[in-house]
Amino acid sequence: MNTSEFLSLLKQHQNKSLLFEYTDGKFVGANYHITEIKNIIVDSVDCGAGTDFWKETIVQLWESPTEKDKREFMSAYKALAILNKVDGIKPMVRDAEIKFEYSNSAFHTAQLFVNDYAMDEQALVIKLSVEKTDCKAKETCGITDTSKETINQPAACCTPESGCC
């Protein structure tokens, strides 16, 4: 989901509570705050010497320890107001993918992408997922079977004559 689509979704459902499902059946607590919005530019080189460039919007979610008993979630209206205020200070790139940075005591810090969303009369639920790392230069590195675990296997692409790394 890109930033524009997320903002549009919030605008369409301003009267709903905004919930984030960070893994199947587990939700960011009602005591969450939006603590930072990051405009990220990624300018990268992969292990096959391929270059790439893209932009992301990262929204940081933080659970306030002083509000652990809070049961009412932030509204989409309030989240939209926060994002609009930030946009007035540091404009967000509308076609950038939006991700959410989150962690808690039982879940590692991660940048989560929007996998889907669901809603009912009261709530808009943003379903987040962890994106696994992957080799972008599989062809260059000679990697053909990605379904097998290769952590303990020697990487063929790391030999000096492979053209990789």
C-alpha atoms as a PDB file:
ATOM      1  CA  MET A   1       0.000   0.000   0.000  1.00  0.00           C
ATOM      2  CA  ASN A   2       1.364   3.412  -0.794  1.00  0.00           C
ATOM      3  CA  THR A   3       1.087   6.534   1.340  1.00  0.00           C
ATOM      4  CA  SER A   4      -1.678   8.061  -0.759  1.00  0.00           C
ATOM      5  CA  GLU A   5      -3.824   4.924  -0.522  1.00  0.00           C
ATOM      6  CA  PHE A   6      -3.368   4.824   3.251  1.00  0.00           C
ATOM      7  CA  LEU A   7      -4.305   8.500   3.657  1.00  0.00           C
ATOM      8  CA  SER A   8      -7.348   7.974   1.451  1.00  0.00           C
ATOM      9  CA  LEU A   9      -8.410   4.956   3.523  1.00  0.00           C
ATOM     10  CA  LEU A  10      -8.158   7.012   6.719  1.00  0.00           C
ATOM     11  CA  LYS A  11     -10.119   9.858   5.144  1.00  0.00           C
ATOM     12  CA  GLN A  12     -12.906   7.505   4.036  1.00  0.00           C
ATOM     13  CA  HIS A  13     -13.217   5.942   7.495  1.00  0.00           C
ATOM     14  CA  GLN A  14     -12.505   8.828   9.874  1.00  0.00           C
ATOM     15  CA  ASN A  15     -15.213   7.780  12.320  1.00  0.00           C
ATOM     16  CA  LYS A  16     -13.669   4.332  12.927  1.00  0.00           C
ATOM     17  CA  SER A  17     -11.106   3.260  15.481  1.00  0.00           C
ATOM     18  CA  LEU A  18      -7.727   2.536  13.897  1.00  0.00           C
ATOM     19  CA  LEU A  19      -6.207  -0.804  14.875  1.00  0.00           C
ATOM     20  CA  PHE A  20      -2.987  -2.431  13.728  1.00  0.00           C
ATOM     21  CA  GLU A  21      -2.680  -6.224  13.615  1.00  0.00           C
ATOM     22  CA  TYR A  22       1.097  -6.822  13.670  1.00  0.00           C
ATOM     23  CA  THR A  23       0.848 -10.604  13.402  1.00  0.00           C
ATOM     24  CA  ASP A  24      -2.107 -12.957  13.068  1.00  0.00           C
ATOM     25  CA  GLY A  25      -4.492 -12.237  15.937  1.00  0.00           C
ATOM     26  CA  LYS A  26      -2.135  -9.857  17.786  1.00  0.00           C
ATOM     27  CA  PHE A  27      -2.795  -6.128  17.877  1.00  0.00           C
ATOM     28  CA  VAL A  28      -0.816  -3.045  18.780  1.00  0.00           C
ATOM     29  CA  GLY A  29      -2.254  -1.935  22.130  1.00  0.00           C
ATOM     30  CA  ALA A  30      -4.880   0.794  22.409  1.00  0.00           C
ATOM     31  CA  ASN A  31      -2.213   2.814  24.212  1.00  0.00           C
ATOM     32  CA  TYR A  32      -0.260   3.334  20.977  1.00  0.00           C
ATOM     33  CA  HIS A  33       0.981   6.690  19.782  1.00  0.00           C
ATOM     34  CA  ILE A  34       2.315   7.720  16.385  1.00  0.00           C
ATOM     35  CA  THR A  35       5.742   8.903  17.484  1.00  0.00           C
ATOM     36  CA  GLU A  36       7.568   9.522  14.234  1.00  0.00           C
ATOM     37  CA  ILE A  37       6.996   9.727  10.488  1.00  0.00           C
ATOM     38  CA  LYS A  38      10.039   9.069   8.337  1.00  0.00           C
ATOM     39  CA  ASN A  39      10.513   9.924   4.663  1.00  0.00           C
ATOM     40  CA  ILE A  40      13.069   7.323   3.632  1.00  0.00           C
ATOM     41  CA  ILE A  41      15.109   7.270   0.437  1.00  0.00           C
ATOM     42  CA  VAL A  42      16.721   3.924  -0.328  1.00  0.00           C
ATOM     43  CA  ASP A  43      19.595   4.045  -2.809  1.00  0.00           C
ATOM     44  CA  SER A  44      21.082   0.573  -2.810  1.00  0.00           C
ATOM     45  CA  VAL A  45      23.496  -1.844  -4.443  1.00  0.00           C
ATOM     46  CA  ASP A  46      22.761  -5.570  -4.126  1.00  0.00           C
ATOM     47  CA  CYS A  47      25.235  -8.460  -3.971  1.00  0.00           C
ATOM     48  CA  GLY A  48      25.113  -8.822  -7.753  1.00  0.00           C
ATOM     49  CA  ALA A  49      26.156  -5.172  -8.227  1.00  0.00           C
ATOM     50  CA  GLY A  50      22.617  -4.224  -9.272  1.00  0.00           C
ATOM     51  CA  THR A  51      21.435  -0.808  -8.204  1.00  0.00           C
ATOM     52  CA  ASP A  52      17.991   0.173  -7.023  1.00  0.00           C
ATOM     53  CA  PHE A  53      16.271   3.290  -5.741  1.00  0.00           C
ATOM     54  CA  TRP A  54      12.914   3.774  -4.019  1.00  0.00           C
ATOM     55  CA  LYS A  55      11.169   5.809  -1.347  1.00  0.00           C
ATOM     56  CA  GLU A  56       9.222   4.712   1.720  1.00  0.00           C
ATOM     57  CA  THR A  57       7.100   6.342   4.388  1.00  0.00           C
ATOM     58  CA  ILE A  58       7.720   4.790   7.812  1.00  0.00           C
ATOM     59  CA  VAL A  59       5.188   5.433  10.580  1.00  0.00           C
ATOM     60  CA  GLN A  60       6.509   4.546  14.022  1.00  0.00           C
ATOM     61  CA  LEU A  61       4.005   3.123  16.513  1.00  0.00           C
ATOM     62  CA  TRP A  62       4.846   3.116  20.215  1.00  0.00           C
ATOM     63  CA  GLU A  63       2.848   1.803  23.168  1.00  0.00           C
ATOM     64  CA  SER A  64       2.899   4.194  26.119  1.00  0.00           C
ATOM     65  CA  PRO A  65       3.707   2.327  29.337  1.00  0.00           C
ATOM     66  CA  THR A  66       1.771   4.923  31.366  1.00  0.00           C
ATOM     67  CA  GLU A  67      -1.432   4.130  29.443  1.00  0.00           C
ATOM     68  CA  LYS A  68      -1.424   0.315  29.633  1.00  0.00           C
ATOM     69  CA  ASP A  69      -5.046   0.238  30.769  1.00  0.00           C
ATOM     70  CA  LYS A  70      -6.321   2.329  27.854  1.00  0.00           C
ATOM     71  CA  ARG A  71      -9.090   0.541  25.927  1.00  0.00           C
ATOM     72  CA  GLU A  72     -10.148   3.140  23.365  1.00  0.00           C
ATOM     73  CA  PHE A  73      -8.076   3.082  20.183  1.00  0.00           C
ATOM     74  CA  MET A  74      -6.977   6.150  18.265  1.00  0.00           C
ATOM     75  CA  SER A  75      -9.499   7.144  15.617  1.00  0.00           C
ATOM     76  CA  ALA A  76      -8.650   7.223  11.938  1.00  0.00           C
ATOM     77  CA  TYR A  77      -9.573  10.927  12.158  1.00  0.00           C
ATOM     78  CA  LYS A  78      -6.861  11.602  14.741  1.00  0.00           C
ATOM     79  CA  ALA A  79      -4.258   9.559  12.847  1.00  0.00           C
ATOM     80  CA  LEU A  80      -5.105  11.475   9.669  1.00  0.00           C
ATOM     81  CA  ALA A  81      -4.735  14.777  11.534  1.00  0.00           C
ATOM     82  CA  ILE A  82      -1.275  13.726  12.769  1.00  0.00           C
ATOM     83  CA  LEU A  83      -0.175  12.653   9.295  1.00  0.00           C
ATOM     84  CA  ASN A  84      -1.551  15.842   7.731  1.00  0.00           C
ATOM     85  CA  LYS A  85       0.323  17.962  10.289  1.00  0.00           C
ATOM     86  CA  VAL A  86       3.564  16.126   9.526  1.00  0.00           C
ATOM     87  CA  ASP A  87       2.882  16.475   5.793  1.00  0.00           C
ATOM     88  CA  GLY A  88       2.658  20.249   6.262  1.00  0.00           C
ATOM     89  CA  ILE A  89       6.125  20.280   7.853  1.00  0.00           C
ATOM     90  CA  LYS A  90       7.860  17.586   5.787  1.00  0.00           C
ATOM     91  CA  PRO A  91       5.765  16.580   2.774  1.00  0.00           C
ATOM     92  CA  MET A  92       5.242  12.846   2.399  1.00  0.00           C
ATOM     93  CA  VAL A  93       5.834  11.172  -0.952  1.00  0.00           C
ATOM     94  CA  ARG A  94       2.393   9.977  -1.968  1.00  0.00           C
ATOM     95  CA  ASP A  95       3.503   7.087  -4.175  1.00  0.00           C
ATOM     96  CA  ALA A  96       6.012   5.778  -1.595  1.00  0.00           C
ATOM     97  CA  GLU A  97       5.209   2.466   0.062  1.00  0.00           C
ATOM     98  CA  ILE A  98       3.992   2.964   3.628  1.00  0.00           C
ATOM     99  CA  LYS A  99       5.406   0.776   6.376  1.00  0.00           C
ATOM    100  CA  PHE A 100       4.951   0.698  10.129  1.00  0.00           C
ATOM    101  CA  GLU A 101       7.782   0.383  12.612  1.00  0.00           C
ATOM    102  CA  TYR A 102       6.767  -1.390  15.794  1.00  0.00           C
ATOM    103  CA  SER A 103       7.915  -3.613  18.632  1.00  0.00           C
ATOM    104  CA  ASN A 104       6.824  -4.704  22.081  1.00  0.00           C
ATOM    105  CA  SER A 105       8.263  -6.987  24.764  1.00  0.00           C
ATOM    106  CA  ALA A 106       7.074 -10.089  22.884  1.00  0.00           C
ATOM    107  CA  PHE A 107       7.723  -8.915  19.303  1.00  0.00           C
ATOM    108  CA  HIS A 108      11.020  -7.811  17.779  1.00  0.00           C
ATOM    109  CA  THR A 109      11.443  -4.347  16.285  1.00  0.00           C
ATOM    110  CA  ALA A 110      10.446  -4.527  12.640  1.00  0.00           C
ATOM    111  CA  GLN A 111       9.335  -2.457   9.717  1.00  0.00           C
ATOM    112  CA  LEU A 112       6.051  -4.041   8.713  1.00  0.00           C
ATOM    113  CA  PHE A 113       4.317  -3.615   5.399  1.00  0.00           C
ATOM    114  CA  VAL A 114       0.566  -3.386   4.901  1.00  0.00           C
ATOM    115  CA  ASN A 115      -0.589  -6.810   3.797  1.00  0.00           C
ATOM    116  CA  ASP A 116      -4.335  -6.052   3.845  1.00  0.00           C
ATOM    117  CA  TYR A 117      -7.023  -4.263   5.799  1.00  0.00           C
ATOM    118  CA  ALA A 118     -10.432  -5.122   7.174  1.00  0.00           C
ATOM    119  CA  MET A 119     -13.234  -3.146   8.725  1.00  0.00           C
ATOM    120  CA  ASP A 120     -16.518  -3.342  10.473  1.00  0.00           C
ATOM    121  CA  GLU A 121     -18.870  -0.624  11.726  1.00  0.00           C
ATOM    122  CA  GLN A 122     -16.509   0.458  14.526  1.00  0.00           C
ATOM    123  CA  ALA A 123     -12.967  -0.297  13.393  1.00  0.00           C
ATOM    124  CA  LEU A 124     -10.513  -0.104  10.539  1.00  0.00           C
ATOM    125  CA  VAL A 125      -7.909  -2.840  11.006  1.00  0.00           C
ATOM    126  CA  ILE A 126      -4.601  -2.489   9.181  1.00  0.00           C
ATOM    127  CA  LYS A 127      -3.094  -5.966   8.777  1.00  0.00           C
ATOM    128  CA  LEU A 128       0.681  -5.811   8.868  1.00  0.00           C
ATOM    129  CA  SER A 129       3.256  -8.428   7.888  1.00  0.00           C
ATOM    130  CA  VAL A 130       6.958  -8.980   8.221  1.00  0.00           C
ATOM    131  CA  GLU A 131       8.803  -8.901   4.935  1.00  0.00           C
ATOM    132  CA  LYS A 132      11.526 -11.543   4.770  1.00  0.00           C
ATOM    133  CA  THR A 133      14.929 -10.686   3.415  1.00  0.00           C
ATOM    134  CA  ASP A 134      15.745 -12.018  -0.025  1.00  0.00           C
ATOM    135  CA  CYS A 135      18.577 -12.019  -2.527  1.00  0.00           C
ATOM    136  CA  LYS A 136      17.745  -9.654  -5.386  1.00  0.00           C
ATOM    137  CA  ALA A 137      20.563 -11.035  -7.538  1.00  0.00           C
ATOM    138  CA  LYS A 138      19.532 -14.694  -7.659  1.00  0.00           C
ATOM    139  CA  GLU A 139      20.186 -15.028 -11.374  1.00  0.00           C
ATOM    140  CA  THR A 140      23.595 -13.333 -11.152  1.00  0.00           C
ATOM    141  CA  CYS A 141      24.519 -15.410  -8.121  1.00  0.00           C
ATOM    142  CA  GLY A 142      23.275 -18.695  -9.577  1.00  0.00           C
ATOM    143  CA  ILE A 143      20.547 -19.241  -6.980  1.00  0.00           C
ATOM    144  CA  THR A 144      17.754 -21.299  -8.502  1.00  0.00           C
ATOM    145  CA  ASP A 145      15.861 -22.988  -5.658  1.00  0.00           C
ATOM    146  CA  THR A 146      14.580 -20.463  -3.114  1.00  0.00           C
ATOM    147  CA  SER A 147      12.267 -22.875  -1.317  1.00  0.00           C
ATOM    148  CA  LYS A 148      15.096 -24.626   0.574  1.00  0.00           C
ATOM    149  CA  GLU A 149      16.761 -23.196   3.666  1.00  0.00           C
ATOM    150  CA  THR A 150      20.332 -22.213   2.779  1.00  0.00           C
ATOM    151  CA  ILE A 151      21.610 -20.738   6.036  1.00  0.00           C
ATOM    152  CA  ASN A 152      24.128 -23.548   6.689  1.00  0.00           C
ATOM    153  CA  GLN A 153      24.944 -24.277   3.053  1.00  0.00           C
ATOM    154  CA  PRO A 154      27.907 -22.637   1.338  1.00  0.00           C
ATOM    155  CA  ALA A 155      26.774 -19.825  -0.928  1.00  0.00           C
ATOM    156  CA  ALA A 156      27.821 -20.488  -4.519  1.00  0.00           C
ATOM    157  CA  CYS A 157      27.591 -16.801  -5.323  1.00  0.00           C
ATOM    158  CA  CYS A 158      30.379 -15.840  -2.945  1.00  0.00           C
ATOM    159  CA  THR A 159      33.263 -17.266  -4.951  1.00  0.00           C
ATOM    160  CA  PRO A 160      35.545 -14.579  -6.421  1.00  0.00           C
ATOM    161  CA  GLU A 161      34.810 -15.542 -10.032  1.00  0.00           C
ATOM    162  CA  SER A 162      30.997 -15.548  -9.605  1.00  0.00           C
ATOM    163  CA  GLY A 163      30.504 -11.843 -10.339  1.00  0.00           C
ATOM    164  CA  CYS A 164      28.587 -11.517  -7.090  1.00  0.00           C
ATOM    165  CA  CYS A 165      29.807  -9.515  -4.076  1.00  0.00           C
END
